[in-house]
C-alpha atoms as a PDB file:
ATOM      1  CA  MET A   1     -71.973-122.406-147.401  1.00  0.00           C
ATOM      2  CA  ALA A   2     -73.086-126.006-146.765  1.00  0.00           C
ATOM      3  CA  GLU A   3     -76.695-126.708-145.867  1.00  0.00           C
ATOM      4  CA  PRO A   4     -77.067-127.388-142.102  1.00  0.00           C
ATOM      5  CA  LEU A   5     -77.712-130.980-140.997  1.00  0.00           C
ATOM      6  CA  LEU A   6     -80.575-129.903-138.751  1.00  0.00           C
ATOM      7  CA  ARG A   7     -82.839-126.913-139.282  1.00  0.00           C
ATOM      8  CA  VAL A   8     -85.585-125.971-136.814  1.00  0.00           C
ATOM      9  CA  GLU A   9     -87.943-123.020-137.271  1.00  0.00           C
ATOM     10  CA  ASN A  10     -90.522-121.796-134.752  1.00  0.00           C
ATOM     11  CA  LEU A  11     -90.551-124.933-132.595  1.00  0.00           C
ATOM     12  CA  ASN A  12     -93.222-124.980-129.868  1.00  0.00           C
ATOM     13  CA  VAL A  13     -93.853-127.695-127.277  1.00  0.00           C
ATOM     14  CA  ASN A  14     -96.979-127.330-125.142  1.00  0.00           C
ATOM     15  CA  PHE A  15     -98.495-129.447-122.385  1.00  0.00           C
ATOM     16  CA  HIS A  16    -102.258-129.132-121.955  1.00  0.00           C
ATOM     17  CA  THR A  17    -103.762-129.682-118.502  1.00  0.00           C
ATOM     18  CA  ALA A  18    -107.292-129.204-117.200  1.00  0.00           C
ATOM     19  CA  GLN A  19    -106.361-125.800-115.735  1.00  0.00           C
ATOM     20  CA  ARG A  20    -103.847-124.328-118.187  1.00  0.00           C
ATOM     21  CA  VAL A  21    -101.473-124.747-121.097  1.00  0.00           C
ATOM     22  CA  ASN A  22     -97.783-124.973-120.166  1.00  0.00           C
ATOM     23  CA  HIS A  23     -95.522-123.560-122.877  1.00  0.00           C
ATOM     24  CA  ALA A  24     -92.328-125.547-122.358  1.00  0.00           C
ATOM     25  CA  VAL A  25     -90.602-124.497-125.621  1.00  0.00           C
ATOM     26  CA  ARG A  26     -91.719-121.256-127.250  1.00  0.00           C
ATOM     27  CA  GLY A  27     -91.028-120.422-130.874  1.00  0.00           C
ATOM     28  CA  ILE A  28     -87.325-121.276-131.074  1.00  0.00           C
ATOM     29  CA  SER A  29     -85.358-121.417-134.325  1.00  0.00           C
ATOM     30  CA  PHE A  30     -81.826-122.715-134.833  1.00  0.00           C
ATOM     31  CA  SER A  31     -79.661-124.813-137.127  1.00  0.00           C
ATOM     32  CA  ILE A  32     -76.784-127.245-136.582  1.00  0.00           C
ATOM     33  CA  GLY A  33     -74.193-128.190-139.170  1.00  0.00           C
ATOM     34  CA  ARG A  34     -71.179-130.453-138.793  1.00  0.00           C
ATOM     35  CA  GLU A  35     -70.142-128.550-135.670  1.00  0.00           C
ATOM     36  CA  LYS A  36     -70.455-128.704-131.883  1.00  0.00           C
ATOM     37  CA  VAL A  37     -73.384-126.594-130.638  1.00  0.00           C
ATOM     38  CA  GLY A  38     -73.947-126.216-126.891  1.00  0.00           C
ATOM     39  CA  ILE A  39     -77.359-125.520-125.363  1.00  0.00           C
ATOM     40  CA  VAL A  40     -77.161-124.036-121.863  1.00  0.00           C
ATOM     41  CA  GLY A  41     -79.646-122.671-119.349  1.00  0.00           C
ATOM     42  CA  GLU A  42     -81.226-123.377-115.999  1.00  0.00           C
ATOM     43  CA  SER A  43     -83.202-126.526-115.236  1.00  0.00           C
ATOM     44  CA  GLY A  44     -86.639-126.311-116.832  1.00  0.00           C
ATOM     45  CA  SER A  45     -85.545-123.952-119.617  1.00  0.00           C
ATOM     46  CA  GLY A  46     -86.453-126.494-122.318  1.00  0.00           C
ATOM     47  CA  LYS A  47     -83.004-127.808-123.283  1.00  0.00           C
ATOM     48  CA  SER A  48     -83.661-131.551-123.017  1.00  0.00           C
ATOM     49  CA  LEU A  49     -87.169-131.198-124.435  1.00  0.00           C
ATOM     50  CA  THR A  50     -85.707-129.511-127.513  1.00  0.00           C
ATOM     51  CA  GLY A  51     -83.385-132.461-128.095  1.00  0.00           C
ATOM     52  CA  ARG A  52     -86.163-134.998-127.579  1.00  0.00           C
ATOM     53  CA  SER A  53     -88.481-133.091-129.916  1.00  0.00           C
ATOM     54  CA  VAL A  54     -86.000-133.499-132.767  1.00  0.00           C
ATOM     55  CA  LEU A  55     -86.204-137.284-132.375  1.00  0.00           C
ATOM     56  CA  LYS A  56     -89.959-137.221-131.634  1.00  0.00           C
ATOM     57  CA  LEU A  57     -89.358-138.794-128.220  1.00  0.00           C
ATOM     58  CA  THR A  58     -91.526-136.426-126.182  1.00  0.00           C
ATOM     59  CA  ALA A  59     -94.282-137.619-123.849  1.00  0.00           C
ATOM     60  CA  LYS A  60     -97.672-138.347-125.377  1.00  0.00           C
ATOM     61  CA  ALA A  61     -99.119-135.346-123.535  1.00  0.00           C
ATOM     62  CA  ALA A  62     -96.765-132.986-125.394  1.00  0.00           C
ATOM     63  CA  LYS A  63     -98.025-131.150-128.458  1.00  0.00           C
ATOM     64  CA  VAL A  64     -95.093-130.399-130.766  1.00  0.00           C
ATOM     65  CA  THR A  65     -95.496-127.917-133.630  1.00  0.00           C
ATOM     66  CA  ALA A  66     -93.021-126.129-135.893  1.00  0.00           C
ATOM     67  CA  ASP A  67     -92.915-124.275-139.189  1.00  0.00           C
ATOM     68  CA  ARG A  68     -90.017-126.494-140.158  1.00  0.00           C
ATOM     69  CA  MET A  69     -87.986-129.307-138.619  1.00  0.00           C
ATOM     70  CA  SER A  70     -85.760-131.003-141.160  1.00  0.00           C
ATOM     71  CA  PHE A  71     -82.698-133.225-140.981  1.00  0.00           C
ATOM     72  CA  ASP A  72     -80.465-133.653-144.023  1.00  0.00           C
ATOM     73  CA  GLY A  73     -83.404-132.903-146.333  1.00  0.00           C
ATOM     74  CA  ILE A  74     -85.849-135.163-144.427  1.00  0.00           C
ATOM     75  CA  ASP A  75     -89.023-133.513-143.090  1.00  0.00           C
ATOM     76  CA  LEU A  76     -89.127-134.781-139.498  1.00  0.00           C
ATOM     77  CA  LEU A  77     -92.585-133.300-138.920  1.00  0.00           C
ATOM     78  CA  GLU A  78     -94.090-135.486-141.658  1.00  0.00           C
ATOM     79  CA  ALA A  79     -91.922-138.552-140.993  1.00  0.00           C
ATOM     80  CA  SER A  80     -93.819-141.656-139.870  1.00  0.00           C
ATOM     81  CA  GLU A  81     -92.815-143.643-136.788  1.00  0.00           C
ATOM     82  CA  ARG A  82     -91.340-146.276-139.098  1.00  0.00           C
ATOM     83  CA  GLN A  83     -89.166-143.627-140.785  1.00  0.00           C
ATOM     84  CA  MET A  84     -88.132-142.233-137.394  1.00  0.00           C
ATOM     85  CA  ARG A  85     -86.958-145.698-136.297  1.00  0.00           C
ATOM     86  CA  THR A  86     -84.556-145.748-139.248  1.00  0.00           C
ATOM     87  CA  ILE A  87     -83.277-142.277-138.299  1.00  0.00           C
ATOM     88  CA  ARG A  88     -82.915-142.806-134.545  1.00  0.00           C
ATOM     89  CA  GLY A  89     -79.574-144.364-133.719  1.00  0.00           C
ATOM     90  CA  ASN A  90     -78.589-144.772-137.366  1.00  0.00           C
ATOM     91  CA  ARG A  91     -78.566-141.099-138.484  1.00  0.00           C
ATOM     92  CA  ILE A  92     -79.173-139.308-135.153  1.00  0.00           C
ATOM     93  CA  SER A  93     -78.001-140.768-131.830  1.00  0.00           C
ATOM     94  CA  MET A  94     -78.915-139.519-128.363  1.00  0.00           C
ATOM     95  CA  ILE A  95     -76.706-139.952-125.308  1.00  0.00           C
ATOM     96  CA  MET A  96     -79.000-139.695-122.291  1.00  0.00           C
ATOM     97  CA  GLN A  97     -78.259-137.970-118.997  1.00  0.00           C
ATOM     98  CA  ASP A  98     -76.304-140.311-116.677  1.00  0.00           C
ATOM     99  CA  PRO A  99     -76.105-142.835-119.533  1.00  0.00           C
ATOM    100  CA  LYS A 100     -74.743-145.716-117.446  1.00  0.00           C
ATOM    101  CA  PHE A 101     -78.262-146.240-116.126  1.00  0.00           C
ATOM    102  CA  SER A 102     -79.648-146.372-119.666  1.00  0.00           C
ATOM    103  CA  LEU A 103     -77.825-149.678-120.190  1.00  0.00           C
ATOM    104  CA  ASN A 104     -79.735-152.959-119.851  1.00  0.00           C
ATOM    105  CA  PRO A 105     -78.657-154.254-116.400  1.00  0.00           C
ATOM    106  CA  LEU A 106     -79.158-157.903-117.437  1.00  0.00           C
ATOM    107  CA  MET A 107     -77.132-157.809-120.661  1.00  0.00           C
ATOM    108  CA  ARG A 108     -73.359-157.792-121.043  1.00  0.00           C
ATOM    109  CA  VAL A 109     -72.099-154.442-122.309  1.00  0.00           C
ATOM    110  CA  GLY A 110     -70.370-155.908-125.346  1.00  0.00           C
ATOM    111  CA  HIS A 111     -73.569-157.602-126.490  1.00  0.00           C
ATOM    112  CA  GLN A 112     -75.434-154.294-126.137  1.00  0.00           C
ATOM    113  CA  ILE A 113     -72.900-152.553-128.392  1.00  0.00           C
ATOM    114  CA  MET A 114     -73.144-155.433-130.878  1.00  0.00           C
ATOM    115  CA  GLU A 115     -76.933-155.119-130.854  1.00  0.00           C
ATOM    116  CA  ALA A 116     -76.689-151.380-131.606  1.00  0.00           C
ATOM    117  CA  TYR A 117     -74.500-152.159-134.615  1.00  0.00           C
ATOM    118  CA  ARG A 118     -76.555-155.087-135.967  1.00  0.00           C
ATOM    119  CA  LEU A 119     -79.769-153.098-135.615  1.00  0.00           C
ATOM    120  CA  HIS A 120     -78.568-150.731-138.348  1.00  0.00           C
ATOM    121  CA  HIS A 121     -76.189-152.936-140.373  1.00  0.00           C
ATOM    122  CA  ARG A 122     -76.660-156.363-141.904  1.00  0.00           C
ATOM    123  CA  ALA A 123     -73.686-157.984-140.220  1.00  0.00           C
ATOM    124  CA  THR A 124     -72.773-161.378-138.838  1.00  0.00           C
ATOM    125  CA  VAL A 125     -72.196-161.898-135.134  1.00  0.00           C
ATOM    126  CA  LYS A 126     -68.448-162.191-135.790  1.00  0.00           C
ATOM    127  CA  ILE A 127     -68.245-158.848-137.631  1.00  0.00           C
ATOM    128  CA  ALA A 128     -70.457-157.119-135.031  1.00  0.00           C
ATOM    129  CA  ARG A 129     -68.196-158.419-132.246  1.00  0.00           C
ATOM    130  CA  GLU A 130     -65.087-157.122-134.023  1.00  0.00           C
ATOM    131  CA  LYS A 131     -66.727-153.718-134.525  1.00  0.00           C
ATOM    132  CA  ALA A 132     -67.804-153.584-130.852  1.00  0.00           C
ATOM    133  CA  LEU A 133     -64.284-154.411-129.624  1.00  0.00           C
ATOM    134  CA  ALA A 134     -62.798-151.811-131.987  1.00  0.00           C
ATOM    135  CA  MET A 135     -65.279-149.234-130.675  1.00  0.00           C
ATOM    136  CA  LEU A 136     -64.365-150.011-127.055  1.00  0.00           C
ATOM    137  CA  GLU A 137     -60.739-149.407-128.016  1.00  0.00           C
ATOM    138  CA  ALA A 138     -61.736-146.168-129.762  1.00  0.00           C
ATOM    139  CA  VAL A 139     -63.197-144.820-126.504  1.00  0.00           C
ATOM    140  CA  HIS A 140     -59.864-145.625-124.759  1.00  0.00           C
ATOM    141  CA  ILE A 141     -61.037-148.594-122.687  1.00  0.00           C
ATOM    142  CA  ARG A 142     -58.135-150.806-121.627  1.00  0.00           C
ATOM    143  CA  ASN A 143     -58.528-154.547-122.115  1.00  0.00           C
ATOM    144  CA  PRO A 144     -61.702-154.336-124.256  1.00  0.00           C
ATOM    145  CA  ASP A 145     -62.039-158.158-124.327  1.00  0.00           C
ATOM    146  CA  ARG A 146     -62.527-158.208-120.554  1.00  0.00           C
ATOM    147  CA  VAL A 147     -64.870-155.192-120.477  1.00  0.00           C
ATOM    148  CA  PHE A 148     -66.913-156.719-123.333  1.00  0.00           C
ATOM    149  CA  GLN A 149     -68.025-159.507-120.939  1.00  0.00           C
ATOM    150  CA  LEU A 150     -68.946-157.264-117.988  1.00  0.00           C
ATOM    151  CA  LEU A 151     -72.442-156.373-116.812  1.00  0.00           C
ATOM    152  CA  PRO A 152     -73.301-152.659-116.337  1.00  0.00           C
ATOM    153  CA  HIS A 153     -73.079-152.826-112.520  1.00  0.00           C
ATOM    154  CA  GLU A 154     -69.495-154.083-112.813  1.00  0.00           C
ATOM    155  CA  VAL A 155     -68.157-150.946-114.517  1.00  0.00           C
ATOM    156  CA  SER A 156     -67.322-147.543-113.035  1.00  0.00           C
ATOM    157  CA  GLY A 157     -69.191-144.337-113.827  1.00  0.00           C
ATOM    158  CA  GLY A 158     -66.544-143.090-116.260  1.00  0.00           C
ATOM    159  CA  MET A 159     -66.326-146.445-118.021  1.00  0.00           C
ATOM    160  CA  GLY A 160     -70.130-146.603-118.213  1.00  0.00           C
ATOM    161  CA  GLN A 161     -70.155-143.212-119.957  1.00  0.00           C
ATOM    162  CA  ARG A 162     -67.551-144.426-122.450  1.00  0.00           C
ATOM    163  CA  ILE A 163     -69.513-147.608-123.143  1.00  0.00           C
ATOM    164  CA  MET A 164     -72.662-145.587-123.794  1.00  0.00           C
ATOM    165  CA  ILE A 165     -70.766-143.254-126.135  1.00  0.00           C
ATOM    166  CA  ALA A 166     -69.410-146.320-127.965  1.00  0.00           C
ATOM    167  CA  MET A 167     -72.938-147.693-128.325  1.00  0.00           C
ATOM    168  CA  MET A 168     -74.316-144.414-129.686  1.00  0.00           C
ATOM    169  CA  LEU A 169     -71.428-143.853-132.122  1.00  0.00           C
ATOM    170  CA  ILE A 170     -70.999-147.373-133.507  1.00  0.00           C
ATOM    171  CA  PRO A 171     -73.778-146.866-136.131  1.00  0.00           C
ATOM    172  CA  GLU A 172     -71.728-143.805-137.281  1.00  0.00           C
ATOM    173  CA  PRO A 173     -74.522-141.196-136.976  1.00  0.00           C
ATOM    174  CA  ASP A 174     -74.388-137.798-138.655  1.00  0.00           C
ATOM    175  CA  LEU A 175     -75.778-135.970-135.604  1.00  0.00           C
ATOM    176  CA  ILE A 176     -75.357-136.714-131.892  1.00  0.00           C
ATOM    177  CA  ILE A 177     -77.599-135.232-129.208  1.00  0.00           C
ATOM    178  CA  ALA A 178     -75.784-135.443-125.866  1.00  0.00           C
ATOM    179  CA  ASP A 179     -77.960-134.594-122.856  1.00  0.00           C
ATOM    180  CA  GLU A 180     -75.677-133.839-119.888  1.00  0.00           C
ATOM    181  CA  PRO A 181     -73.523-136.898-120.720  1.00  0.00           C
ATOM    182  CA  THR A 182     -70.851-136.082-118.122  1.00  0.00           C
ATOM    183  CA  SER A 183     -72.926-134.607-115.283  1.00  0.00           C
ATOM    184  CA  ALA A 184     -72.271-137.572-112.926  1.00  0.00           C
ATOM    185  CA  LEU A 185     -68.497-137.572-113.430  1.00  0.00           C
ATOM    186  CA  ASP A 186     -65.687-135.833-111.581  1.00  0.00           C
ATOM    187  CA  VAL A 187     -63.781-133.085-113.380  1.00  0.00           C
ATOM    188  CA  THR A 188     -60.802-135.209-114.485  1.00  0.00           C
ATOM    189  CA  VAL A 189     -62.872-138.061-115.926  1.00  0.00           C
ATOM    190  CA  ARG A 190     -65.262-135.527-117.494  1.00  0.00           C
ATOM    191  CA  ARG A 191     -62.444-133.967-119.494  1.00  0.00           C
ATOM    192  CA  GLN A 192     -61.221-137.392-120.621  1.00  0.00           C
ATOM    193  CA  VAL A 193     -64.695-138.427-121.817  1.00  0.00           C
ATOM    194  CA  LEU A 194     -65.204-135.126-123.654  1.00  0.00           C
ATOM    195  CA  SER A 195     -61.796-135.461-125.307  1.00  0.00           C
ATOM    196  CA  ILE A 196     -62.804-138.914-126.599  1.00  0.00           C
ATOM    197  CA  LEU A 197     -66.183-137.634-127.782  1.00  0.00           C
ATOM    198  CA  ASP A 198     -64.504-134.724-129.576  1.00  0.00           C
ATOM    199  CA  GLU A 199     -61.984-137.055-131.227  1.00  0.00           C
ATOM    200  CA  LEU A 200     -64.706-139.414-132.516  1.00  0.00           C
ATOM    201  CA  ILE A 201     -66.956-136.583-133.768  1.00  0.00           C
ATOM    202  CA  THR A 202     -64.040-134.935-135.597  1.00  0.00           C
ATOM    203  CA  ARG A 203     -63.009-138.238-137.181  1.00  0.00           C
ATOM    204  CA  ARG A 204     -66.556-138.878-138.437  1.00  0.00           C
ATOM    205  CA  ASN A 205     -67.236-135.222-139.364  1.00  0.00           C
ATOM    206  CA  ALA A 206     -70.507-135.382-137.398  1.00  0.00           C
ATOM    207  CA  GLY A 207     -72.619-132.671-135.767  1.00  0.00           C
ATOM    208  CA  LEU A 208     -73.228-132.404-132.018  1.00  0.00           C
ATOM    209  CA  MET A 209     -76.000-130.880-129.912  1.00  0.00           C
ATOM    210  CA  PHE A 210     -74.452-130.713-126.444  1.00  0.00           C
ATOM    211  CA  ILE A 211     -76.928-129.959-123.627  1.00  0.00           C
ATOM    212  CA  SER A 212     -75.321-128.785-120.395  1.00  0.00           C
ATOM    213  CA  HIS A 213     -75.531-126.555-117.316  1.00  0.00           C
ATOM    214  CA  ASP A 214     -71.773-125.965-117.297  1.00  0.00           C
ATOM    215  CA  LEU A 215     -71.059-122.700-119.127  1.00  0.00           C
ATOM    216  CA  ASN A 216     -67.268-122.943-118.741  1.00  0.00           C
ATOM    217  CA  LEU A 217     -67.216-126.457-120.170  1.00  0.00           C
ATOM    218  CA  VAL A 218     -69.403-125.468-123.131  1.00  0.00           C
ATOM    219  CA  ALA A 219     -67.250-122.392-123.823  1.00  0.00           C
ATOM    220  CA  ASP A 220     -64.153-124.618-124.059  1.00  0.00           C
ATOM    221  CA  PHE A 221     -65.693-127.596-125.860  1.00  0.00           C
ATOM    222  CA  CYS A 222     -68.248-126.225-128.335  1.00  0.00           C
ATOM    223  CA  ASP A 223     -68.107-124.049-131.445  1.00  0.00           C
ATOM    224  CA  ARG A 224     -71.382-122.215-130.856  1.00  0.00           C
ATOM    225  CA  VAL A 225     -73.741-121.692-127.881  1.00  0.00           C
ATOM    226  CA  LEU A 226     -77.510-121.292-127.590  1.00  0.00           C
ATOM    227  CA  VAL A 227     -78.647-119.840-124.242  1.00  0.00           C
ATOM    228  CA  MET A 228     -82.181-120.842-123.235  1.00  0.00           C
ATOM    229  CA  TYR A 229     -84.529-119.286-120.692  1.00  0.00           C
ATOM    230  CA  ALA A 230     -88.196-120.163-120.092  1.00  0.00           C
ATOM    231  CA  GLY A 231     -88.446-122.085-123.361  1.00  0.00           C
ATOM    232  CA  ARG A 232     -86.835-119.389-125.544  1.00  0.00           C
ATOM    233  CA  ILE A 233     -83.354-118.949-127.015  1.00  0.00           C
ATOM    234  CA  MET A 234     -82.112-115.706-125.480  1.00  0.00           C
ATOM    235  CA  GLU A 235     -78.761-115.582-127.237  1.00  0.00           C
ATOM    236  CA  ASP A 236     -76.989-117.388-130.090  1.00  0.00           C
ATOM    237  CA  LEU A 237     -73.264-116.673-130.204  1.00  0.00           C
ATOM    238  CA  PRO A 238     -69.828-118.247-130.877  1.00  0.00           C
ATOM    239  CA  ALA A 239     -68.564-120.241-127.875  1.00  0.00           C
ATOM    240  CA  SER A 240     -65.352-118.204-127.855  1.00  0.00           C
ATOM    241  CA  GLU A 241     -67.464-115.079-127.205  1.00  0.00           C
ATOM    242  CA  LEU A 242     -69.590-116.574-124.409  1.00  0.00           C
ATOM    243  CA  HIS A 243     -67.810-114.670-121.643  1.00  0.00           C
ATOM    244  CA  ASN A 244     -68.481-111.426-123.559  1.00  0.00           C
ATOM    245  CA  ALA A 245     -72.212-112.151-123.900  1.00  0.00           C
ATOM    246  CA  LYS A 246     -74.516-109.123-124.225  1.00  0.00           C
ATOM    247  CA  HIS A 247     -77.879-110.478-123.081  1.00  0.00           C
ATOM    248  CA  PRO A 248     -78.512-109.676-119.389  1.00  0.00           C
ATOM    249  CA  TYR A 249     -79.677-113.251-118.712  1.00  0.00           C
ATOM    250  CA  THR A 250     -76.454-114.778-120.071  1.00  0.00           C
ATOM    251  CA  GLN A 251     -74.473-112.193-118.116  1.00  0.00           C
ATOM    252  CA  ALA A 252     -76.395-113.131-114.955  1.00  0.00           C
ATOM    253  CA  LEU A 253     -75.557-116.824-115.463  1.00  0.00           C
ATOM    254  CA  LEU A 254     -71.886-115.984-115.917  1.00  0.00           C
ATOM    255  CA  GLU A 255     -71.871-113.782-112.797  1.00  0.00           C
ATOM    256  CA  SER A 256     -73.213-116.704-110.743  1.00  0.00           C
ATOM    257  CA  LEU A 257     -70.147-118.845-111.546  1.00  0.00           C
ATOM    258  CA  PRO A 258     -67.195-119.052-109.118  1.00  0.00           C
ATOM    259  CA  ARG A 259     -63.971-117.546-110.489  1.00  0.00           C
ATOM    260  CA  ILE A 260     -60.430-118.054-109.211  1.00  0.00           C
ATOM    261  CA  ASP A 261     -59.317-114.622-110.437  1.00  0.00           C
ATOM    262  CA  ARG A 262     -62.234-112.837-108.727  1.00  0.00           C
ATOM    263  CA  PRO A 263     -63.118-114.460-105.383  1.00  0.00           C
ATOM    264  CA  VAL A 264     -66.289-113.249-103.633  1.00  0.00           C
ATOM    265  CA  ASP A 265     -67.865-113.978-100.252  1.00  0.00           C
ATOM    266  CA  MET A 266     -71.174-114.941-101.827  1.00  0.00           C
ATOM    267  CA  LEU A 267     -71.986-115.854-105.433  1.00  0.00           C
ATOM    268  CA  GLN A 268     -74.546-113.701-107.192  1.00  0.00           C
ATOM    269  CA  ILE A 269     -78.033-115.152-107.656  1.00  0.00           C
ATOM    270  CA  PRO A 270     -79.421-114.394-111.145  1.00  0.00           C
ATOM    271  CA  THR A 271     -82.327-111.948-111.081  1.00  0.00           C
ATOM    272  CA  ARG A 272     -84.993-112.383-113.734  1.00  0.00           C
ATOM    273  CA  ASP A 273     -86.771-109.748-115.755  1.00  0.00           C
ATOM    274  CA  ALA A 274     -90.360-110.377-116.875  1.00  0.00           C
ATOM    275  CA  ALA A 275     -89.494-108.639-120.169  1.00  0.00           C
ATOM    276  CA  TRP A 276     -87.251-111.585-121.113  1.00  0.00           C
ATOM    277  CA  LEU A 277     -90.307-113.819-121.556  1.00  0.00           C
ATOM    278  CA  ASN A 278     -91.419-112.056-124.734  1.00  0.00           C
ATOM    279  CA  GLY A 279     -88.790-109.389-125.401  1.00  0.00           C
ATOM    280  CA  PRO A 280     -86.119-109.245-128.147  1.00  0.00           C
ATOM    281  CA  VAL A 281     -83.279-111.785-128.235  1.00  0.00           C
ATOM    282  CA  LEU A 282     -79.684-111.697-129.495  1.00  0.00           C
ATOM    283  CA  LYS A 283     -78.613-113.568-132.608  1.00  0.00           C
ATOM    284  CA  SER A 284     -75.090-113.145-133.951  1.00  0.00           C
ATOM    285  CA  GLY A 285     -74.744-110.008-131.831  1.00  0.00           C
ATOM    286  CA  GLU A 286     -77.899-108.350-133.190  1.00  0.00           C
ATOM    287  CA  TRP A 287     -81.156-107.791-131.303  1.00  0.00           C
ATOM    288  CA  VAL A 288     -84.092-109.398-133.140  1.00  0.00           C
END
């Protein structure tokens, strides 16, 4: 079995205040290979913070510790900021939530994609432009020459998402961290964007950490799912088995979703058990 791209063991992220210590991520362990791994859970469960911790992009107030956090044989815990700058974007890319607003509003989108390529490759302006246009075509944008010259406010939400995906994938990273990349899109455009993302990841044989609230989407799109609650991973299971989850928290999340085949007058609100905070969790169907 191939060594995972990313391996994390006993990751903790704490925020110290004058009154207390807030444990945002509590002792989680997981690995990601060249596969699509979804991370789901309620807001505040630690999903986005987990992704940012991998790239060492947490706030200065955060104290990040782990027994191990390695990427393709590189010890991320010991890596200097200079080393991390060579990893970010080049080896690991992160697509932010509502990525259209992560674009520079004063810079034409094509030049931003070119900049992302030239930052990691010694290339002439001509070659970078050709690569950027090819990448816009790869994310199914019609008339890439015209879109290349547009400013971010001149593109739609769906096109903005595609441009951001193009920018993150043009350096050809080995691992992509996507933090709710389609949350601002309608259902039809969301499926189109995910189809493009899936196509590009498969072509490059890359790994994906896909952070989302949408359990149905993750079940369809990902290979494996991590379910987070209060900073812990409650359940780690194949995406195809998500709707047969055994942990009561995952079951509660599923019960709160609307279903066409089982209409109800009022959706169920998940109830929480204090025992989940420190109790056993499910990994590969076994309580540990």
